[in-house]
Structure formats: structure tokens, C-alpha cells
Amino acid sequence: MSCNSAVGPADTSLATHRPSPNPSWLWKIPLAILNGLERRRQYNELLDLDDRFLADIGVTRTMIAEARKSSFSDWRDSR
């Protein structure tokens, strides 16, 4: 005799074992949008500087453009 006390066959359909939705990640969406807007503002401020000022801090316009592209591609590739 089996030790299993269930009388009928066990229901293993996905509908009965589906986990409940977890909305805890939703708060990350507005933060990501705000972070992106802040970075865009910072890149624009750097690009507004004169080439002499950029040279003083050791940054070129090319470096800013590459950083702008790489931050987006890093985010896109990490998904």
C-alpha cells in the first residue's frame, strides 16, 4: 500500500501553480527614467563647456560622445 494519502491524481497544471505577480520591481521604472534624464542633463552640460575647459579637466568631446553611447549600450546589453 502506498504512503500517499491523496485519493485522486495530483493536478500539476500551470494554472494552479502559477506564482502571484510581484509588483515590487515597478518602483525601479521611474527611478531609471529619472536617472536617464539626469545623465542626459549632465552630458549636455559637459558639451556646453568650451574646449579649453574640457581640456583642463582632461576630457574631449569625443570622450563624452563615447561615454554617452557606451552607457546606453551597457544598459541595453545587460538586459
Foldseek 3Di string as FASTA:
>chain_A
DDPDPDDDDDDPDCVVVPDDDDCPCVVVVVVVVVVVVVLVVVLVVVVPDDQVVCVVVPHHNVNSVVVVVVVVVVVVVVD
